[in-house]
Amino acid sequence: MAIGVRVEPELEEQLDQLAERMGKSRSACVRDAIAQYVQRFGKNDEALRQSTLIAEHAHQTDWCDQVPDWSDWTA
């Protein structure tokens, strides 16, 4: 499937330079970027679950323990 995307000339130039450095086509770089974007942001259920948990516990100030200030962490 083909998708058309409009970008600023500067971004197009940067994309072309990146593709050349990576030895890939412009299309391959865009496909990789879209795949990473979908992978990162496509899991809204998990992000929503975590955001809800954070909001529910926002009033707690002791959500983490203080870590001792040890000069020798191998102890």
N, C-alpha and C. Protein backbone atom coordinates (compact mmCIF):
# COMPACT_ATOMS: atom_id res chain seq x y z
N MET A 1 0.84 -1.17 0.00
CA MET A 1 0.00 0.00 0.00
C MET A 1 0.89 1.24 0.00
N ALA A 2 0.49 2.23 -0.70
CA ALA A 2 1.25 3.49 -0.74
C ALA A 2 0.54 4.54 0.10
N ILE A 3 1.34 5.32 0.81
CA ILE A 3 0.83 6.41 1.64
C ILE A 3 1.61 7.66 1.27
N GLY A 4 0.90 8.75 1.05
CA GLY A 4 1.56 10.02 0.75
C GLY A 4 1.63 10.87 2.01
N VAL A 5 2.78 11.48 2.24
CA VAL A 5 2.98 12.31 3.43
C VAL A 5 3.66 13.60 3.00
N ARG A 6 3.14 14.71 3.47
CA ARG A 6 3.78 16.00 3.17
C ARG A 6 4.69 16.37 4.34
N VAL A 7 5.91 16.76 4.02
CA VAL A 7 6.87 17.20 5.04
C VAL A 7 7.55 18.47 4.57
N GLU A 8 8.10 19.19 5.51
CA GLU A 8 8.82 20.41 5.18
C GLU A 8 10.08 20.03 4.39
N PRO A 9 10.53 20.92 3.52
CA PRO A 9 11.72 20.63 2.71
C PRO A 9 12.95 20.29 3.56
N GLU A 10 13.09 20.95 4.70
CA GLU A 10 14.25 20.67 5.57
C GLU A 10 14.21 19.25 6.10
N LEU A 11 13.01 18.79 6.49
CA LEU A 11 12.87 17.44 7.00
C LEU A 11 13.12 16.41 5.89
N GLU A 12 12.65 16.71 4.71
CA GLU A 12 12.90 15.82 3.57
C GLU A 12 14.39 15.70 3.29
N GLU A 13 15.09 16.81 3.37
CA GLU A 13 16.53 16.80 3.15
C GLU A 13 17.24 15.98 4.23
N GLN A 14 16.82 16.17 5.48
CA GLN A 14 17.43 15.41 6.58
C GLN A 14 17.16 13.92 6.41
N LEU A 15 15.94 13.57 5.98
CA LEU A 15 15.60 12.17 5.75
C LEU A 15 16.46 11.58 4.64
N ASP A 16 16.64 12.33 3.57
CA ASP A 16 17.47 11.84 2.47
C ASP A 16 18.92 11.63 2.91
N GLN A 17 19.44 12.55 3.70
CA GLN A 17 20.81 12.41 4.20
C GLN A 17 20.94 11.20 5.12
N LEU A 18 19.95 11.01 6.00
CA LEU A 18 19.97 9.86 6.89
C LEU A 18 19.89 8.56 6.11
N ALA A 19 18.99 8.51 5.15
CA ALA A 19 18.85 7.30 4.34
C ALA A 19 20.15 6.97 3.62
N GLU A 20 20.80 7.99 3.09
CA GLU A 20 22.07 7.76 2.40
C GLU A 20 23.13 7.22 3.34
N ARG A 21 23.23 7.83 4.54
CA ARG A 21 24.22 7.36 5.53
C ARG A 21 23.96 5.93 5.96
N MET A 22 22.68 5.57 6.04
CA MET A 22 22.32 4.23 6.50
C MET A 22 22.30 3.21 5.36
N GLY A 23 22.45 3.70 4.13
CA GLY A 23 22.41 2.80 2.99
C GLY A 23 21.02 2.24 2.73
N LYS A 24 20.00 3.03 3.05
CA LYS A 24 18.62 2.61 2.85
C LYS A 24 17.92 3.59 1.93
N SER A 25 16.78 3.19 1.45
CA SER A 25 15.96 4.10 0.67
C SER A 25 15.17 4.99 1.62
N ARG A 26 14.67 6.08 1.08
CA ARG A 26 13.82 6.98 1.87
C ARG A 26 12.60 6.20 2.38
N SER A 27 12.01 5.39 1.51
CA SER A 27 10.83 4.61 1.89
C SER A 27 11.13 3.64 3.03
N ALA A 28 12.29 3.00 2.98
CA ALA A 28 12.66 2.06 4.04
C ALA A 28 12.79 2.77 5.37
N CYS A 29 13.37 3.96 5.37
CA CYS A 29 13.49 4.74 6.61
C CYS A 29 12.12 5.13 7.15
N VAL A 30 11.23 5.54 6.27
CA VAL A 30 9.88 5.93 6.70
C VAL A 30 9.13 4.72 7.23
N ARG A 31 9.25 3.56 6.56
CA ARG A 31 8.60 2.34 7.04
C ARG A 31 9.10 1.98 8.44
N ASP A 32 10.44 2.05 8.64
CA ASP A 32 11.01 1.74 9.96
C ASP A 32 10.48 2.71 11.02
N ALA A 33 10.41 3.99 10.67
CA ALA A 33 9.94 5.00 11.63
C ALA A 33 8.48 4.76 12.00
N ILE A 34 7.65 4.44 11.01
CA ILE A 34 6.24 4.18 11.29
C ILE A 34 6.09 2.93 12.15
N ALA A 35 6.84 1.89 11.85
CA ALA A 35 6.77 0.65 12.63
C ALA A 35 7.16 0.90 14.08
N GLN A 36 8.21 1.69 14.30
CA GLN A 36 8.63 2.00 15.67
C GLN A 36 7.58 2.84 16.38
N TYR A 37 6.98 3.78 15.69
CA TYR A 37 5.94 4.64 16.26
C TYR A 37 4.73 3.81 16.69
N VAL A 38 4.30 2.91 15.80
CA VAL A 38 3.15 2.06 16.11
C VAL A 38 3.47 1.14 17.28
N GLN A 39 4.68 0.59 17.29
CA GLN A 39 5.07 -0.30 18.39
C GLN A 39 5.09 0.46 19.71
N ARG A 40 5.60 1.68 19.69
CA ARG A 40 5.74 2.46 20.92
C ARG A 40 4.40 2.97 21.43
N PHE A 41 3.57 3.48 20.53
CA PHE A 41 2.34 4.13 20.97
C PHE A 41 1.08 3.31 20.69
N GLY A 42 1.21 2.18 20.07
CA GLY A 42 0.05 1.38 19.72
C GLY A 42 -0.54 0.60 20.88
N LYS A 43 0.17 0.54 21.97
CA LYS A 43 -0.30 -0.22 23.12
C LYS A 43 -0.95 0.72 24.13
N ASN A 44 -1.97 1.41 23.70
CA ASN A 44 -2.63 2.40 24.56
C ASN A 44 -3.24 1.79 25.81
N ASP A 45 -3.68 0.53 25.73
CA ASP A 45 -4.29 -0.10 26.89
C ASP A 45 -3.31 -0.15 28.06
N GLU A 46 -2.07 -0.54 27.77
CA GLU A 46 -1.06 -0.61 28.83
C GLU A 46 -0.70 0.78 29.33
N ALA A 47 -0.55 1.72 28.42
CA ALA A 47 -0.23 3.10 28.83
C ALA A 47 -1.35 3.67 29.68
N LEU A 48 -2.58 3.43 29.29
CA LEU A 48 -3.72 3.92 30.07
C LEU A 48 -3.76 3.27 31.44
N ARG A 49 -3.49 1.97 31.51
CA ARG A 49 -3.48 1.27 32.79
C ARG A 49 -2.43 1.86 33.72
N GLN A 50 -1.23 2.09 33.19
CA GLN A 50 -0.16 2.64 34.01
C GLN A 50 -0.47 4.07 34.45
N SER A 51 -1.03 4.87 33.55
CA SER A 51 -1.39 6.24 33.89
C SER A 51 -2.45 6.27 34.99
N THR A 52 -3.40 5.36 34.91
CA THR A 52 -4.45 5.28 35.93
C THR A 52 -3.85 4.91 37.27
N LEU A 53 -2.94 3.95 37.28
CA LEU A 53 -2.28 3.57 38.54
C LEU A 53 -1.50 4.73 39.14
N ILE A 54 -0.79 5.46 38.31
CA ILE A 54 -0.02 6.60 38.79
C ILE A 54 -0.96 7.64 39.38
N ALA A 55 -2.05 7.92 38.69
CA ALA A 55 -3.01 8.92 39.18
C ALA A 55 -3.64 8.48 40.49
N GLU A 56 -3.93 7.19 40.62
CA GLU A 56 -4.55 6.67 41.85
C GLU A 56 -3.62 6.80 43.04
N HIS A 57 -2.34 6.69 42.82
CA HIS A 57 -1.37 6.71 43.91
C HIS A 57 -0.60 8.03 44.01
N ALA A 58 -1.05 9.04 43.31
CA ALA A 58 -0.34 10.32 43.28
C ALA A 58 -0.28 10.98 44.65
N HIS A 59 -1.26 10.71 45.50
CA HIS A 59 -1.29 11.33 46.83
C HIS A 59 -0.27 10.71 47.79
N GLN A 60 0.24 9.56 47.46
CA GLN A 60 1.22 8.89 48.32
C GLN A 60 2.59 9.52 48.13
N THR A 61 3.20 9.90 49.22
CA THR A 61 4.54 10.49 49.13
C THR A 61 5.64 9.48 49.44
N ASP A 62 5.26 8.31 49.94
CA ASP A 62 6.27 7.31 50.30
C ASP A 62 6.28 6.15 49.30
N TRP A 63 6.09 6.45 48.03
CA TRP A 63 6.01 5.40 47.02
C TRP A 63 7.35 4.77 46.71
N CYS A 64 8.42 5.34 47.22
CA CYS A 64 9.73 4.70 47.05
C CYS A 64 10.50 4.81 48.36
N ASP A 65 11.37 3.87 48.57
CA ASP A 65 12.20 3.89 49.77
C ASP A 65 13.46 4.68 49.50
N GLN A 66 13.94 5.34 50.52
CA GLN A 66 15.20 6.04 50.39
C GLN A 66 16.32 5.01 50.27
N VAL A 67 17.22 5.22 49.35
CA VAL A 67 18.36 4.34 49.17
C VAL A 67 19.52 4.90 49.99
N PRO A 68 20.16 4.04 50.78
CA PRO A 68 21.29 4.53 51.58
C PRO A 68 22.39 5.11 50.70
N ASP A 69 23.07 6.08 51.19
CA ASP A 69 24.17 6.70 50.46
C ASP A 69 25.46 5.99 50.84
N TRP A 70 25.68 4.83 50.22
CA TRP A 70 26.86 4.04 50.50
C TRP A 70 27.98 4.45 49.57
N SER A 71 29.16 4.60 50.12
CA SER A 71 30.30 4.91 49.26
C SER A 71 30.79 3.66 48.54
N ASP A 72 30.53 2.49 49.13
CA ASP A 72 30.96 1.23 48.52
C ASP A 72 29.73 0.39 48.20
N TRP A 73 29.27 0.41 46.95
CA TRP A 73 28.08 -0.29 46.57
C TRP A 73 28.29 -1.79 46.43
N THR A 74 29.51 -2.27 46.63
CA THR A 74 29.76 -3.70 46.55
C THR A 74 29.49 -4.39 47.88
N ALA A 75 29.17 -3.62 48.88
CA ALA A 75 28.94 -4.20 50.21
C ALA A 75 27.69 -5.03 50.25
